Amino acid sequence: MTTRTSRRDEYFRDGFLSPVALLSRDEANHHREELERAEGALGNLHYVNKIHTVMQSPYDLATLPAVLDLVEELIGPDILLYSSTYIIKESGSEAYVAWHQDLTYWGLADDDAQVSMWLALAPATVEAGCMTMVQGSHLDGLVEHAEAPGDGNVLLLGQQIEGLDASAGTPCPLAPGEASFHHGWTVHQSGPNTTSDRRIGLNVQYVAPHNDQASGDMTATLVRGEDRFGFYRPEASPASSLDLDRANELFAADAAMKARYKTK
């Protein structure tokens, strides 16, 4: 039986935990249907940041008690929901995510007071392009990244760590309803989706309230404990299953954020 202590130890030893069972197949399918219903109203929701502020489904997934219990083990009892985004690879898509580290551009003050969850809402098999993690790579800190946008790499700036191949990592396939959790310095990548189904995941980041961000102008949602620091401006929770009025504001903010990244 896995204990709370051993789960934390495994995470800080390897840089990730996978798989972690969170939902039944039926529950995962329900949340997939909620996403696809929203796509029918809003269009493409791939890589739209902070989607939990306008949709109830991702907010509910990000705040599942079992999720927050595990996040508490890893970063402490006070938890901010920092960001969320659907990451979708369509059937037969050649898009991939190159080897990278999440924290490269984030400017957080405490590397260990952050964790990412990737929750599968559709099969994330090796053939579908599941994530591959390099075990223990978070212990080395920042690795140099090159930027080469435009070649099919999903990452906004085309950032990538050169000189690694797929054999460097451990594949982390997930069934619908399973999740992985990884440290911000863990080197990871994912390949194309060669299957006949979409590969759909909800990617969520959590930070402890003391973990200030360099820009000093970020929002977050307190989801457990208390915030005694005030580094992050509070953000509204979704007012309904799909808030169409606020969705337009979110799209504009997301586009502006991505434009700032591209000009840095």
Protein backbone atom coordinates (compact mmCIF):
# COMPACT_ATOMS: atom_id res chain seq x y z
CA MET A 1 0.00 0.00 0.00
CA THR A 2 1.36 3.43 -0.97
CA THR A 3 1.58 5.76 1.99
CA ARG A 4 1.34 9.55 2.01
CA THR A 5 5.01 9.78 2.95
CA SER A 6 6.20 7.44 0.21
CA ARG A 7 4.16 9.29 -2.41
CA ARG A 8 5.88 12.57 -1.53
CA ASP A 9 9.26 10.84 -1.40
CA GLU A 10 8.68 9.30 -4.83
CA TYR A 11 7.74 12.68 -6.28
CA PHE A 12 10.84 14.47 -4.99
CA ARG A 13 13.06 11.54 -5.97
CA ASP A 14 11.78 11.08 -9.53
CA GLY A 15 10.27 14.48 -10.29
CA PHE A 16 6.85 13.02 -11.10
CA LEU A 17 4.06 10.69 -10.03
CA SER A 18 2.16 8.63 -12.62
CA PRO A 19 -0.44 7.26 -12.92
CA VAL A 20 -2.71 8.59 -10.18
CA ALA A 21 -6.33 7.38 -10.40
CA LEU A 22 -8.83 10.20 -9.81
CA LEU A 23 -12.02 9.59 -11.81
CA SER A 24 -14.02 6.70 -13.15
CA ARG A 25 -14.21 6.26 -16.93
CA ASP A 26 -17.80 7.56 -16.88
CA GLU A 27 -16.79 10.64 -14.89
CA ALA A 28 -13.94 11.36 -17.30
CA ASN A 29 -16.33 10.97 -20.24
CA HIS A 30 -18.73 13.44 -18.63
CA HIS A 31 -16.01 16.07 -18.35
CA ARG A 32 -14.92 15.38 -21.94
CA GLU A 33 -18.52 16.00 -23.02
CA GLU A 34 -18.52 19.29 -21.09
CA LEU A 35 -15.39 20.38 -22.95
CA GLU A 36 -16.77 19.38 -26.33
CA ARG A 37 -20.05 21.16 -25.59
CA ALA A 38 -18.05 24.31 -24.79
CA GLU A 39 -16.05 23.89 -27.99
CA GLY A 40 -19.35 23.88 -29.88
CA ALA A 41 -20.16 27.30 -28.41
CA LEU A 42 -16.68 28.87 -28.31
CA GLY A 43 -14.55 27.09 -30.89
CA ASN A 44 -11.06 25.73 -30.31
CA LEU A 45 -10.11 25.66 -26.59
CA HIS A 46 -6.64 24.14 -27.00
CA TYR A 47 -4.07 26.04 -24.92
CA VAL A 48 -6.44 28.77 -23.65
CA ASN A 49 -5.02 29.72 -20.26
CA LYS A 50 -7.11 29.97 -17.08
CA ILE A 51 -10.07 28.16 -18.60
CA HIS A 52 -11.24 27.36 -15.05
CA THR A 53 -12.40 30.98 -14.67
CA VAL A 54 -15.15 30.61 -17.29
CA MET A 55 -16.03 26.88 -17.18
CA GLN A 56 -17.26 24.92 -14.19
CA SER A 57 -15.92 21.54 -15.38
CA PRO A 58 -12.17 22.38 -15.29
CA TYR A 59 -12.66 24.25 -12.02
CA ASP A 60 -14.32 21.17 -10.50
CA LEU A 61 -11.52 18.91 -11.75
CA ALA A 62 -8.79 21.24 -10.47
CA THR A 63 -10.38 21.33 -7.01
CA LEU A 64 -11.22 17.65 -6.55
CA PRO A 65 -10.53 16.79 -2.88
CA ALA A 66 -8.24 13.91 -3.92
CA VAL A 67 -6.25 16.31 -6.12
CA LEU A 68 -5.90 18.96 -3.43
CA ASP A 69 -4.96 16.32 -0.84
CA LEU A 70 -2.06 15.23 -3.05
CA VAL A 71 -1.03 18.79 -3.90
CA GLU A 72 -1.02 19.54 -0.16
CA GLU A 73 1.41 16.67 0.39
CA LEU A 74 3.75 18.18 -2.19
CA ILE A 75 3.62 21.96 -1.60
CA GLY A 76 1.86 22.45 1.74
CA PRO A 77 -1.63 23.23 3.10
CA ASP A 78 -2.09 26.63 1.44
CA ILE A 79 -2.81 26.22 -2.27
CA LEU A 80 -3.40 28.63 -5.14
CA LEU A 81 -4.76 27.48 -8.49
CA TYR A 82 -2.29 29.29 -10.75
CA SER A 83 -3.40 28.27 -14.23
CA SER A 84 -5.31 25.68 -16.23
CA THR A 85 -5.51 24.81 -19.91
CA TYR A 86 -6.79 22.02 -22.10
CA ILE A 87 -4.03 20.43 -24.18
CA ILE A 88 -5.55 18.65 -27.17
CA LYS A 89 -3.97 16.65 -29.97
CA GLU A 90 -6.44 15.85 -32.68
CA SER A 91 -6.61 12.41 -34.26
CA GLY A 92 -3.69 11.92 -36.63
CA SER A 93 -2.06 15.19 -35.57
CA GLU A 94 1.68 15.47 -36.18
CA ALA A 95 1.98 18.15 -33.48
CA TYR A 96 4.37 17.33 -30.68
CA VAL A 97 5.81 18.90 -27.53
CA ALA A 98 9.60 19.05 -27.51
CA TRP A 99 11.78 18.26 -24.51
CA HIS A 100 11.39 21.19 -22.10
CA GLN A 101 10.99 22.31 -18.49
CA ASP A 102 7.87 24.19 -17.41
CA LEU A 103 9.62 26.67 -15.11
CA THR A 104 11.97 28.04 -17.79
CA TYR A 105 10.06 31.31 -18.23
CA TRP A 106 7.82 31.46 -15.18
CA GLY A 107 10.03 33.45 -12.79
CA LEU A 108 8.78 31.82 -9.59
CA ALA A 109 10.66 32.45 -6.36
CA ASP A 110 10.48 28.91 -4.92
CA ASP A 111 11.02 26.08 -7.41
CA ASP A 112 9.67 23.40 -5.08
CA ALA A 113 6.45 25.25 -4.17
CA GLN A 114 4.79 24.50 -7.51
CA VAL A 115 3.35 21.36 -9.09
CA SER A 116 1.59 20.56 -12.36
CA MET A 117 -1.21 18.05 -12.89
CA TRP A 118 -2.05 16.53 -16.29
CA LEU A 119 -5.46 14.82 -16.14
CA ALA A 120 -6.51 12.61 -19.06
CA LEU A 121 -10.07 12.97 -20.41
CA ALA A 122 -9.31 10.68 -23.37
CA PRO A 123 -6.82 7.85 -23.75
CA ALA A 124 -3.25 9.17 -23.52
CA THR A 125 -1.40 6.13 -24.77
CA VAL A 126 2.10 6.05 -26.21
CA GLU A 127 0.51 5.99 -29.68
CA ALA A 128 -1.65 9.00 -28.80
CA GLY A 129 1.40 11.00 -27.70
CA CYS A 130 1.45 10.63 -23.92
CA MET A 131 4.03 12.52 -21.88
CA THR A 132 7.51 11.10 -21.37
CA MET A 133 9.41 12.20 -18.23
CA VAL A 134 13.14 12.13 -17.56
CA GLN A 135 13.43 10.58 -14.10
CA GLY A 136 15.35 12.71 -11.59
CA SER A 137 15.98 15.55 -14.07
CA HIS A 138 14.38 18.12 -11.76
CA LEU A 139 17.39 17.76 -9.44
CA ASP A 140 19.64 19.42 -12.04
CA GLY A 141 17.68 22.69 -12.17
CA LEU A 142 17.46 24.75 -15.33
CA VAL A 143 18.79 23.18 -18.53
CA GLU A 144 19.57 25.43 -21.50
CA HIS A 145 16.72 25.73 -24.02
CA ALA A 146 16.90 26.73 -27.68
CA GLU A 147 13.98 28.49 -29.39
CA ALA A 148 12.92 27.26 -32.83
CA PRO A 149 9.24 28.09 -33.46
CA GLY A 150 7.26 26.90 -36.45
CA ASP A 151 8.23 23.24 -36.88
CA GLY A 152 5.20 21.55 -35.27
CA ASN A 153 6.33 22.02 -31.68
CA VAL A 154 3.22 23.02 -29.70
CA LEU A 155 5.17 25.18 -27.23
CA LEU A 156 4.59 28.90 -27.71
CA LEU A 157 8.20 29.90 -28.39
CA GLY A 158 9.23 26.56 -29.87
CA GLN A 159 11.48 26.08 -26.85
CA GLN A 160 13.34 22.80 -26.64
CA ILE A 161 16.23 21.05 -24.97
CA GLU A 162 18.49 19.73 -27.68
CA GLY A 163 20.42 16.47 -27.69
CA LEU A 164 17.79 14.19 -26.10
CA ASP A 165 15.84 11.42 -27.81
CA ALA A 166 12.73 9.53 -26.70
CA SER A 167 14.80 6.80 -25.02
CA ALA A 168 15.96 9.33 -22.41
CA GLY A 169 12.60 9.31 -20.65
CA THR A 170 9.92 7.14 -19.08
CA PRO A 171 6.57 7.07 -20.95
CA CYS A 172 3.60 7.95 -18.73
CA PRO A 173 0.47 6.61 -20.46
CA LEU A 174 -2.82 7.53 -18.82
CA ALA A 175 -6.32 6.10 -19.11
CA PRO A 176 -9.23 8.54 -18.97
CA GLY A 177 -9.58 9.65 -15.35
CA GLU A 178 -5.91 9.11 -14.49
CA ALA A 179 -3.42 11.92 -13.94
CA SER A 180 0.27 12.58 -13.63
CA PHE A 181 1.87 15.19 -11.36
CA HIS A 182 5.29 16.64 -12.14
CA HIS A 183 7.81 19.13 -10.80
CA GLY A 184 8.45 22.30 -12.78
CA TRP A 185 12.07 21.35 -13.55
CA THR A 186 11.26 17.81 -14.71
CA VAL A 187 12.31 17.46 -18.34
CA HIS A 188 9.43 16.06 -20.40
CA GLN A 189 8.03 15.79 -23.93
CA SER A 190 5.19 14.20 -25.89
CA GLY A 191 4.92 12.86 -29.42
CA PRO A 192 2.31 13.03 -32.20
CA ASN A 193 -1.13 11.44 -31.94
CA THR A 194 -1.26 8.54 -34.39
CA THR A 195 -4.61 7.17 -33.13
CA SER A 196 -8.18 7.63 -34.36
CA ASP A 197 -9.26 9.49 -31.20
CA ARG A 198 -8.44 12.91 -29.82
CA ARG A 199 -5.89 13.05 -27.00
CA ILE A 200 -7.40 15.42 -24.43
CA GLY A 201 -5.81 16.47 -21.15
CA LEU A 202 -6.45 19.18 -18.60
CA ASN A 203 -3.16 20.71 -17.46
CA VAL A 204 -3.32 22.52 -14.09
CA GLN A 205 -0.62 24.36 -12.14
CA TYR A 206 -0.67 25.01 -8.40
CA VAL A 207 1.59 27.25 -6.31
CA ALA A 208 1.93 27.98 -2.61
CA PRO A 209 0.94 31.59 -1.77
CA HIS A 210 4.48 32.52 -0.68
CA ASN A 211 5.79 31.64 -4.14
CA ASP A 212 5.98 35.10 -5.70
CA GLN A 213 6.12 35.52 -9.48
CA ALA A 214 8.65 37.88 -11.06
CA SER A 215 6.20 39.98 -13.09
CA GLY A 216 4.25 40.83 -9.93
CA ASP A 217 1.01 41.02 -11.90
CA MET A 218 -0.49 37.54 -11.81
CA THR A 219 -3.87 36.27 -10.70
CA ALA A 220 -4.71 33.02 -8.92
CA THR A 221 -7.56 31.34 -7.08
CA LEU A 222 -7.20 30.27 -3.45
CA VAL A 223 -8.51 26.67 -3.36
CA ARG A 224 -7.29 25.49 0.06
CA GLY A 225 -5.94 27.07 3.23
CA GLU A 226 -5.15 30.78 3.37
CA ASP A 227 -3.11 33.39 1.53
CA ARG A 228 -1.10 35.46 4.00
CA PHE A 229 1.07 37.11 1.33
CA GLY A 230 -1.15 38.69 -1.32
CA PHE A 231 1.30 38.30 -4.20
CA TYR A 232 -1.50 37.22 -6.56
CA ARG A 233 -4.67 39.15 -7.36
CA PRO A 234 -7.81 37.10 -6.76
CA GLU A 235 -9.71 35.92 -9.81
CA ALA A 236 -13.39 35.10 -10.18
CA SER A 237 -14.62 31.52 -10.17
CA PRO A 238 -16.97 30.45 -12.99
CA ALA A 239 -20.47 31.84 -12.57
CA SER A 240 -22.07 28.98 -14.53
CA SER A 241 -21.19 25.80 -16.39
CA LEU A 242 -20.06 28.05 -19.27
CA ASP A 243 -19.88 31.84 -18.88
CA LEU A 244 -20.06 33.06 -22.48
CA ASP A 245 -19.79 36.75 -21.58
CA ARG A 246 -16.57 36.35 -19.62
CA ALA A 247 -15.18 33.90 -22.17
CA ASN A 248 -14.57 36.72 -24.64
CA GLU A 249 -12.59 38.58 -21.97
CA LEU A 250 -10.56 35.43 -21.31
CA PHE A 251 -9.74 34.97 -25.00
CA ALA A 252 -8.54 38.58 -25.20
CA ALA A 253 -6.37 38.21 -22.09
CA ASP A 254 -4.96 34.91 -23.36
CA ALA A 255 -4.06 36.43 -26.74
CA ALA A 256 -2.40 39.42 -25.05
CA MET A 257 -0.35 37.14 -22.78
CA LYS A 258 0.85 35.08 -25.73
CA ALA A 259 1.75 38.21 -27.68
CA ARG A 260 3.88 39.44 -24.75
CA TYR A 261 5.70 36.11 -24.68
CA LYS A 262 6.49 36.29 -28.37
CA THR A 263 8.02 39.77 -28.08
CA LYS A 264 10.37 38.89 -25.20
